Structure formats: C-alpha cells, structure tokens
Amino acid sequence: MLCAGSGITPIFQFLRAILDNSALDKTPITLLFANRYEEDILLRSELDAFARDHPGQLTLHYLLSRPLETWKHFRGHVTKPLIKEIL
C-alpha cells in the first residue's frame, strides 16, 4: 500500500479491519507512508503500535521529503526504485 498525508485515513480503517481480525486474516501488508515533515505524520503512534503488535503481518515504512538530519527512515519522494526496494 502507498499513501501520503491525509490519505492515511481510509488506509488506517482498512489496516484496522485486517489487523483486528489477524487471528483469521493473515493478509501480509507493506505500507509506505509519505509526508513532507515528521510532524505531518498522522496516526503515527497508532501505526507504530500496529507494526509492533503485528510484526510478521505489517511492514511499515515512512518517507519524508523534507526530513531533519536525525531522520532514520526513507528520504525523498516516491519513486519506482524505492517501491521496488521495499517490496
């Protein structure tokens, strides 16, 4: 899955539906969530909790186009090589 900014809202509902039923639904999910700045990341604590609670099912990647030097995740813009790298 790929989303940016407020586009996380419908994706979050989809994630919750799958992960709240993970005993029956084992769908593997990779999510790339792009934003400009770290403080723009909506639902970050909830997404991090999903990733922590479902490590074999949800792989979560953050991407910032304008990160601080301390940012430890992906930087730049969504590109075909980046998508290939995370998949």
Protein backbone atom coordinates (compact mmCIF):
# COMPACT_ATOMS: atom_id res chain seq x y z
CA MET A 1 0.00 0.00 0.00
CA LEU A 2 1.08 3.54 -0.66
CA CYS A 3 -0.38 6.70 0.78
CA ALA A 4 0.58 10.26 1.56
CA GLY A 5 -0.61 12.82 4.08
CA SER A 6 -4.28 12.65 4.94
CA GLY A 7 -4.64 9.72 2.54
CA ILE A 8 -3.79 7.56 5.54
CA THR A 9 -7.36 7.91 6.83
CA PRO A 10 -9.06 5.28 4.62
CA ILE A 11 -5.94 3.11 4.69
CA PHE A 12 -5.99 3.17 8.50
CA GLN A 13 -9.56 1.85 8.52
CA PHE A 14 -8.51 -0.93 6.14
CA LEU A 15 -5.49 -1.80 8.33
CA ARG A 16 -7.62 -1.88 11.46
CA ALA A 17 -10.16 -4.19 9.84
CA ILE A 18 -7.44 -6.68 8.88
CA LEU A 19 -5.26 -6.43 11.97
CA ASP A 20 -8.11 -6.51 14.49
CA ASN A 21 -9.06 -9.84 12.90
CA SER A 22 -5.50 -11.15 12.50
CA ALA A 23 -6.37 -14.50 14.10
CA LEU A 24 -8.35 -15.28 10.93
CA ASP A 25 -6.98 -12.80 8.37
CA LYS A 26 -3.25 -13.32 7.74
CA THR A 27 -3.02 -10.88 4.82
CA PRO A 28 0.59 -9.57 4.68
CA ILE A 29 0.72 -5.78 4.40
CA THR A 30 3.52 -3.43 3.39
CA LEU A 31 2.72 0.25 3.82
CA LEU A 32 4.77 3.19 2.53
CA PHE A 33 3.51 6.40 4.13
CA ALA A 34 4.91 9.61 2.62
CA ASN A 35 4.83 13.08 4.17
CA ARG A 36 6.81 16.31 3.99
CA TYR A 37 7.80 16.70 7.62
CA GLU A 38 7.91 14.31 10.56
CA GLU A 39 5.29 16.33 12.44
CA ASP A 40 2.92 15.82 9.48
CA ILE A 41 2.67 12.06 10.08
CA LEU A 42 -0.96 11.45 11.05
CA LEU A 43 -1.83 8.48 13.29
CA ARG A 44 1.86 7.71 13.82
CA SER A 45 1.51 6.25 17.30
CA GLU A 46 -1.36 4.04 16.15
CA LEU A 47 0.56 2.87 13.08
CA ASP A 48 3.66 2.16 15.15
CA ALA A 49 1.51 0.14 17.58
CA PHE A 50 0.05 -1.87 14.69
CA ALA A 51 3.56 -2.59 13.38
CA ARG A 52 4.81 -3.52 16.86
CA ASP A 53 1.82 -5.76 17.60
CA HIS A 54 1.80 -7.46 14.16
CA PRO A 55 5.49 -7.76 13.17
CA GLY A 56 5.01 -10.70 10.83
CA GLN A 57 1.99 -9.20 9.11
CA LEU A 58 2.59 -5.44 8.82
CA THR A 59 5.75 -3.86 7.46
CA LEU A 60 5.62 -0.08 7.88
CA HIS A 61 7.87 2.39 6.06
CA TYR A 62 7.91 6.16 6.50
CA LEU A 63 9.17 8.55 3.82
CA LEU A 64 9.78 12.28 4.28
CA SER A 65 10.52 14.75 1.53
CA ARG A 66 11.86 17.35 3.98
CA PRO A 67 13.34 15.42 6.92
CA LEU A 68 15.57 16.68 9.68
CA GLU A 69 19.13 15.37 9.74
CA THR A 70 18.18 12.99 12.56
CA TRP A 71 15.51 11.19 10.47
CA LYS A 72 16.32 7.47 10.30
CA HIS A 73 13.79 6.32 7.71
CA PHE A 74 13.44 6.91 3.95
CA ARG A 75 14.07 10.38 2.49
CA GLY A 76 12.96 12.00 -0.75
CA HIS A 77 9.99 11.22 -2.93
CA VAL A 78 8.13 8.12 -4.01
CA THR A 79 9.99 6.59 -6.93
CA LYS A 80 9.83 3.31 -8.78
CA PRO A 81 13.24 2.20 -7.39
CA LEU A 82 12.07 2.97 -3.82
CA ILE A 83 8.90 0.94 -4.29
CA LYS A 84 10.93 -1.97 -5.67
CA GLU A 85 13.28 -1.72 -2.68
CA ILE A 86 10.57 -2.02 -0.06
CA LEU A 87 8.63 -4.73 -1.87
